[in-house]
Amino acid sequence: MTEPATVAIDGNFDRATTRGLGATLRGRLQFWVSVVLLGCLAIIAVIPGPLSGLFGQSDPRSCDLSASNKPPGPGHPFGTDVQGCDVMANVLFGTRTSLFIGLTTTAICLIVAVVLGALAGYRGGWVDSLIARGADVVLGFPFLLGAIIVLNTAPDRTPLLLSAVLAFFSWPTFARLIRSSVKEVREREFVQAAHALGFSPMRVVLTHVLPNSLAPTLAIAATMVGGVIGAEATLTFLGVGLVPPSISWGVQLSTAQSYFQLAPHTVLFPSIFLTVTVISLIMLGDALRDALDPRGRS
């Protein structure tokens, strides 16, 4: 009879917190602007071909050298690049690749960080020290320099490989945050009550500790997606990221950099999409951070 009551109390606490968070977010214009923009980008990523076909060329690899670097006009709303390929089609198809890299990198980071951070925070002792020293070793490498070194040795730089490399150098930040949250939550009354009821450590962690420890990572995760997209574009621009025939905003900017004065539209439109995406994710992260702050819900 005691266990259901304890679980219900904890569940009511979680639902009340969720309702308060949802009400706070719904009242923020910043949240809705970011959601609308990211929703549009998600639609573009899912169906880039039909959308680009409505205004011009639906195939980003269908090129006409005789139309090289044409400015925006009928049939090519964003103009063409140096190879005569439709810039709009490449920008829309690049949305899928860039979002894939951002979301995949963040997902890998979260999985690794949740496992290691929860283990370090809950067990403590030598386990905590070992994981902390491993995180320190990874953090000892400059992010861009480490990624450049690893990617330069890769024979085939695919979006998945790029995501894995970026995640490898990014997980310690998440792990440290989750570790701190877990160490705080494990001392709360409802966790101690779960132990007193004889729940297994795995059950306590999965049903009580982690659900109450992950909230602070939401804001950082949203912001990180934007940071990863920017990092991919930077690495590709430097020549160590994706390469054609891969399609991404970074590939477009890298290819167009030599023709900026001759054909500025080849740089302008990928830059606009990249900037809007990163700013939208930062806005979403800021809205989540403010909503998760008790002072922001007052």
Protein backbone atom coordinates (compact mmCIF):
# COMPACT_ATOMS: atom_id res chain seq x y z
CA MET A 1 0.00 0.00 0.00
CA THR A 2 2.92 2.33 0.68
CA GLU A 3 4.66 2.05 -2.70
CA PRO A 4 1.79 3.29 -4.89
CA ALA A 5 1.34 6.32 -2.62
CA THR A 6 5.02 7.23 -2.87
CA VAL A 7 5.08 6.82 -6.61
CA ALA A 8 1.92 8.88 -6.97
CA ILE A 9 3.36 11.72 -4.92
CA ASP A 10 6.50 11.76 -7.03
CA GLY A 11 4.46 11.56 -10.22
CA ASN A 12 2.29 14.49 -9.13
CA PHE A 13 5.44 16.52 -8.49
CA ASP A 14 6.69 15.79 -12.01
CA ARG A 15 3.35 16.60 -13.63
CA ALA A 16 3.03 19.85 -11.72
CA THR A 17 6.52 20.86 -12.76
CA THR A 18 5.73 19.96 -16.37
CA ARG A 19 2.50 21.97 -16.33
CA GLY A 20 4.32 24.98 -14.88
CA LEU A 21 7.04 24.72 -17.50
CA GLY A 22 4.51 24.40 -20.31
CA ALA A 23 2.52 27.40 -19.10
CA THR A 24 5.68 29.50 -18.87
CA LEU A 25 6.82 28.56 -22.37
CA ARG A 26 3.40 29.19 -23.91
CA GLY A 27 3.50 32.73 -22.61
CA ARG A 28 6.84 33.58 -24.23
CA LEU A 29 6.93 35.10 -27.73
CA GLN A 30 10.58 34.05 -28.04
CA PHE A 31 9.56 30.40 -27.65
CA TRP A 32 6.85 30.57 -30.33
CA VAL A 33 9.06 32.39 -32.84
CA SER A 34 11.77 29.76 -32.48
CA VAL A 35 9.28 26.89 -32.69
CA VAL A 36 7.68 28.29 -35.87
CA LEU A 37 11.04 28.84 -37.55
CA LEU A 38 12.34 25.41 -36.54
CA GLY A 39 9.07 23.81 -37.63
CA CYS A 40 9.47 25.36 -41.09
CA LEU A 41 13.05 24.10 -41.26
CA ALA A 42 11.91 20.62 -40.23
CA ILE A 43 9.33 20.57 -43.04
CA ILE A 44 12.02 21.69 -45.49
CA ALA A 45 14.32 18.91 -44.28
CA VAL A 46 11.62 16.27 -44.74
CA ILE A 47 10.43 17.30 -48.23
CA PRO A 48 13.13 19.47 -49.83
CA GLY A 49 12.53 18.19 -53.37
CA PRO A 50 8.83 19.07 -53.73
CA LEU A 51 9.38 22.45 -52.08
CA SER A 52 12.25 23.45 -54.35
CA GLY A 53 10.33 22.08 -57.34
CA LEU A 54 7.51 24.52 -56.67
CA PHE A 55 9.78 27.46 -57.49
CA GLY A 56 12.49 26.04 -59.69
CA GLN A 57 14.75 23.01 -59.95
CA SER A 58 13.90 20.04 -57.73
CA ASP A 59 17.21 18.21 -58.26
CA PRO A 60 20.23 19.89 -56.63
CA ARG A 61 22.62 17.86 -58.78
CA SER A 62 21.01 18.83 -62.09
CA CYS A 63 23.48 21.44 -63.37
CA ASP A 64 23.97 23.46 -66.54
CA LEU A 65 27.46 24.95 -66.96
CA SER A 66 26.13 27.47 -69.46
CA ALA A 67 24.09 29.00 -66.58
CA SER A 68 27.06 29.30 -64.23
CA ASN A 69 26.70 31.89 -61.44
CA LYS A 70 23.45 33.34 -62.78
CA PRO A 71 21.81 35.81 -60.38
CA PRO A 72 18.36 35.10 -58.94
CA GLY A 73 15.65 35.05 -61.59
CA PRO A 74 12.76 33.03 -63.03
CA GLY A 75 13.35 29.31 -62.64
CA HIS A 76 16.19 29.94 -60.17
CA PRO A 77 14.88 32.12 -57.29
CA PHE A 78 18.25 31.92 -55.49
CA GLY A 79 20.32 31.91 -58.69
CA THR A 80 22.85 29.25 -59.72
CA ASP A 81 26.33 28.37 -58.49
CA VAL A 82 29.61 28.09 -60.37
CA GLN A 83 28.61 24.71 -61.82
CA GLY A 84 25.20 25.95 -62.89
CA CYS A 85 23.36 24.09 -60.13
CA ASP A 86 20.27 25.61 -58.58
CA VAL A 87 21.24 27.34 -55.32
CA MET A 88 17.75 27.07 -53.84
CA ALA A 89 17.64 23.30 -54.35
CA ASN A 90 21.05 22.94 -52.72
CA VAL A 91 20.07 25.17 -49.79
CA LEU A 92 16.87 23.22 -49.14
CA PHE A 93 18.55 19.82 -49.45
CA GLY A 94 21.39 21.12 -47.29
CA THR A 95 18.87 21.76 -44.51
CA ARG A 96 18.40 18.01 -44.12
CA THR A 97 22.13 17.31 -43.81
CA SER A 98 22.86 20.18 -41.45
CA LEU A 99 19.94 19.34 -39.14
CA PHE A 100 20.89 15.66 -39.23
CA ILE A 101 24.43 16.44 -38.08
CA GLY A 102 23.22 18.81 -35.36
CA LEU A 103 20.58 16.44 -33.97
CA THR A 104 22.69 13.28 -34.30
CA THR A 105 25.69 14.85 -32.57
CA THR A 106 23.53 16.11 -29.72
CA ALA A 107 21.78 12.74 -29.37
CA ILE A 108 25.11 10.88 -29.17
CA CYS A 109 26.36 13.38 -26.60
CA LEU A 110 23.23 12.96 -24.49
CA ILE A 111 23.40 9.15 -24.54
CA VAL A 112 27.06 9.09 -23.50
CA ALA A 113 26.62 11.90 -20.98
CA VAL A 114 23.52 10.38 -19.36
CA VAL A 115 25.23 7.01 -18.86
CA LEU A 116 28.56 8.38 -17.61
CA GLY A 117 27.17 11.40 -15.77
CA ALA A 118 24.53 9.36 -13.94
CA LEU A 119 27.09 6.69 -13.06
CA ALA A 120 29.57 9.26 -11.75
CA GLY A 121 26.99 11.26 -9.82
CA TYR A 122 25.13 8.31 -8.30
CA ARG A 123 28.03 6.00 -7.45
CA GLY A 124 30.68 8.61 -6.61
CA GLY A 125 34.06 7.45 -5.29
CA TRP A 126 36.61 6.02 -7.69
CA VAL A 127 33.98 5.72 -10.45
CA ASP A 128 33.35 9.44 -10.28
CA SER A 129 37.09 10.19 -10.28
CA LEU A 130 37.76 7.92 -13.25
CA ILE A 131 35.01 9.44 -15.38
CA ALA A 132 36.00 12.97 -14.34
CA ARG A 133 39.62 12.38 -15.38
CA GLY A 134 38.46 10.96 -18.73
CA ALA A 135 36.35 14.06 -19.32
CA ASP A 136 39.33 16.25 -18.42
CA VAL A 137 41.47 14.46 -21.01
CA VAL A 138 38.89 15.09 -23.75
CA LEU A 139 38.45 18.70 -22.68
CA GLY A 140 42.22 19.12 -22.85
CA PHE A 141 42.02 19.02 -26.65
CA PRO A 142 40.89 22.26 -28.32
CA PHE A 143 37.56 21.46 -29.95
CA LEU A 144 38.28 22.57 -33.52
CA LEU A 145 41.91 21.43 -33.47
CA GLY A 146 40.98 17.97 -32.23
CA ALA A 147 38.22 17.62 -34.83
CA ILE A 148 40.56 18.78 -37.62
CA ILE A 149 43.22 16.24 -36.64
CA VAL A 150 40.77 13.34 -36.52
CA LEU A 151 38.89 14.27 -39.69
CA ASN A 152 42.13 14.74 -41.65
CA THR A 153 42.92 11.06 -41.08
CA ALA A 154 39.48 9.86 -42.21
CA PRO A 155 39.35 8.47 -45.77
CA ASP A 156 35.62 9.18 -46.18
CA ARG A 157 34.04 12.07 -44.28
CA THR A 158 30.33 11.25 -44.07
CA PRO A 159 27.71 13.16 -42.06
CA LEU A 160 27.56 10.30 -39.54
CA LEU A 161 31.34 10.29 -39.07
CA LEU A 162 31.37 14.05 -38.65
CA SER A 163 28.63 13.74 -36.03
CA ALA A 164 30.58 11.09 -34.14
CA VAL A 165 33.76 13.18 -34.11
CA LEU A 166 31.94 16.32 -32.93
CA ALA A 167 30.15 14.29 -30.24
CA PHE A 168 33.43 12.82 -28.99
CA PHE A 169 34.78 16.28 -28.23
CA SER A 170 31.47 17.60 -26.83
CA TRP A 171 30.11 15.01 -24.37
CA PRO A 172 32.08 16.11 -21.26
CA THR A 173 30.06 19.31 -20.92
CA PHE A 174 26.79 17.37 -20.75
CA ALA A 175 28.29 14.69 -18.50
CA ARG A 176 29.47 17.24 -15.94
CA LEU A 177 26.08 18.94 -15.86
CA ILE A 178 24.20 15.65 -15.43
CA ARG A 179 26.69 14.50 -12.77
CA SER A 180 26.05 17.63 -10.73
CA SER A 181 22.27 17.28 -11.08
CA VAL A 182 22.33 13.59 -10.12
CA LYS A 183 24.45 14.28 -7.03
CA GLU A 184 21.89 16.85 -5.93
CA VAL A 185 18.80 14.77 -6.68
CA ARG A 186 20.09 11.58 -5.05
CA GLU A 187 19.94 13.29 -1.64
CA ARG A 188 16.27 14.30 -1.92
CA GLU A 189 13.58 12.77 0.25
CA PHE A 190 11.71 10.90 -2.48
CA VAL A 191 14.94 9.16 -3.58
CA GLN A 192 15.74 8.17 -0.01
CA ALA A 193 12.16 6.90 0.35
CA ALA A 194 12.58 4.77 -2.77
CA HIS A 195 15.70 3.22 -1.26
CA ALA A 196 13.85 2.57 2.01
CA LEU A 197 11.11 0.77 0.09
CA GLY A 198 13.71 -1.63 -1.29
CA PHE A 199 13.79 -0.42 -4.91
CA SER A 200 16.83 -1.60 -6.84
CA PRO A 201 19.51 1.04 -7.62
CA MET A 202 18.74 0.73 -11.35
CA ARG A 203 15.05 1.37 -10.75
CA VAL A 204 15.77 4.33 -8.50
CA VAL A 205 18.06 5.90 -11.09
CA LEU A 206 15.74 5.32 -14.06
CA THR A 207 12.44 6.27 -12.43
CA HIS A 208 13.42 8.85 -9.82
CA VAL A 209 16.91 10.29 -10.26
CA LEU A 210 17.25 10.79 -14.03
CA PRO A 211 13.76 12.20 -14.71
CA ASN A 212 14.46 14.90 -12.11
CA SER A 213 18.05 15.52 -13.28
CA LEU A 214 17.74 16.01 -17.02
CA ALA A 215 15.80 19.29 -17.09
CA PRO A 216 18.89 21.56 -16.93
CA THR A 217 20.34 19.85 -20.00
CA LEU A 218 17.35 20.75 -22.20
CA ALA A 219 18.41 24.35 -22.71
CA ILE A 220 22.02 23.39 -23.37
CA ALA A 221 20.96 20.62 -25.78
CA ALA A 222 18.89 23.03 -27.87
CA THR A 223 21.73 25.54 -27.97
CA MET A 224 24.24 22.81 -28.78
CA VAL A 225 22.35 21.73 -31.90
CA GLY A 226 22.87 25.22 -33.29
CA GLY A 227 26.50 25.22 -32.22
CA VAL A 228 27.14 21.89 -33.93
CA ILE A 229 25.55 23.09 -37.18
CA GLY A 230 27.83 26.12 -37.06
CA ALA A 231 30.83 23.88 -36.28
CA GLU A 232 30.05 21.64 -39.26
CA ALA A 233 29.90 24.66 -41.55
CA THR A 234 33.18 25.94 -40.11
CA LEU A 235 35.01 22.63 -40.53
CA THR A 236 33.67 22.20 -44.06
CA PHE A 237 34.63 25.78 -44.92
CA LEU A 238 38.16 24.99 -43.69
CA GLY A 239 38.27 21.95 -45.97
CA VAL A 240 38.18 19.22 -43.30
CA GLY A 241 34.42 18.62 -43.10
CA LEU A 242 32.03 17.31 -45.71
CA VAL A 243 33.04 17.24 -49.36
CA PRO A 244 30.95 17.00 -52.55
CA PRO A 245 28.82 15.14 -53.50
CA SER A 246 27.56 15.70 -49.94
CA ILE A 247 25.16 18.64 -49.77
CA SER A 248 25.19 21.00 -46.79
CA TRP A 249 25.34 24.71 -46.12
CA GLY A 250 29.00 24.33 -45.21
CA VAL A 251 29.78 22.69 -48.56
CA GLN A 252 28.00 25.51 -50.38
CA LEU A 253 29.90 28.19 -48.48
CA SER A 254 33.20 26.42 -49.02
CA THR A 255 32.58 26.13 -52.76
CA ALA A 256 31.30 29.69 -53.14
CA GLN A 257 34.00 31.49 -51.16
CA SER A 258 36.14 32.08 -54.26
CA TYR A 259 33.23 33.60 -56.18
CA PHE A 260 31.82 35.92 -53.54
CA GLN A 261 32.49 39.15 -55.47
CA LEU A 262 31.34 37.65 -58.77
CA ALA A 263 28.26 35.84 -57.42
CA PRO A 264 27.43 37.00 -53.86
CA HIS A 265 24.09 35.18 -53.95
CA THR A 266 25.90 31.83 -53.74
CA VAL A 267 27.12 32.84 -50.27
CA LEU A 268 24.16 34.94 -49.18
CA PHE A 269 21.35 32.37 -49.18
CA PRO A 270 23.18 29.49 -47.42
CA SER A 271 24.39 32.05 -44.86
CA ILE A 272 20.83 33.27 -44.24
CA PHE A 273 19.53 29.74 -43.64
CA LEU A 274 22.50 28.90 -41.42
CA THR A 275 22.09 32.08 -39.37
CA VAL A 276 18.33 31.70 -38.96
CA THR A 277 18.71 28.09 -37.83
CA VAL A 278 21.41 28.82 -35.27
CA ILE A 279 19.59 31.87 -33.90
CA SER A 280 16.30 29.92 -33.65
CA LEU A 281 17.98 27.16 -31.66
CA ILE A 282 19.69 29.66 -29.38
CA MET A 283 16.34 31.40 -28.82
CA LEU A 284 14.72 28.05 -27.98
CA GLY A 285 17.54 27.25 -25.57
CA ASP A 286 17.20 30.64 -23.88
CA ALA A 287 13.44 30.20 -23.54
CA LEU A 288 13.88 26.76 -21.98
CA ARG A 289 16.57 28.05 -19.64
CA ASP A 290 14.39 30.93 -18.44
CA ALA A 291 11.39 28.64 -18.00
CA LEU A 292 13.41 26.09 -16.03
CA ASP A 293 14.73 28.82 -13.74
CA PRO A 294 12.32 29.13 -10.77
CA ARG A 295 12.80 32.90 -10.86
CA GLY A 296 11.64 32.83 -14.52
CA ARG A 297 8.35 31.23 -13.50
CA SER A 298 7.59 33.72 -10.78
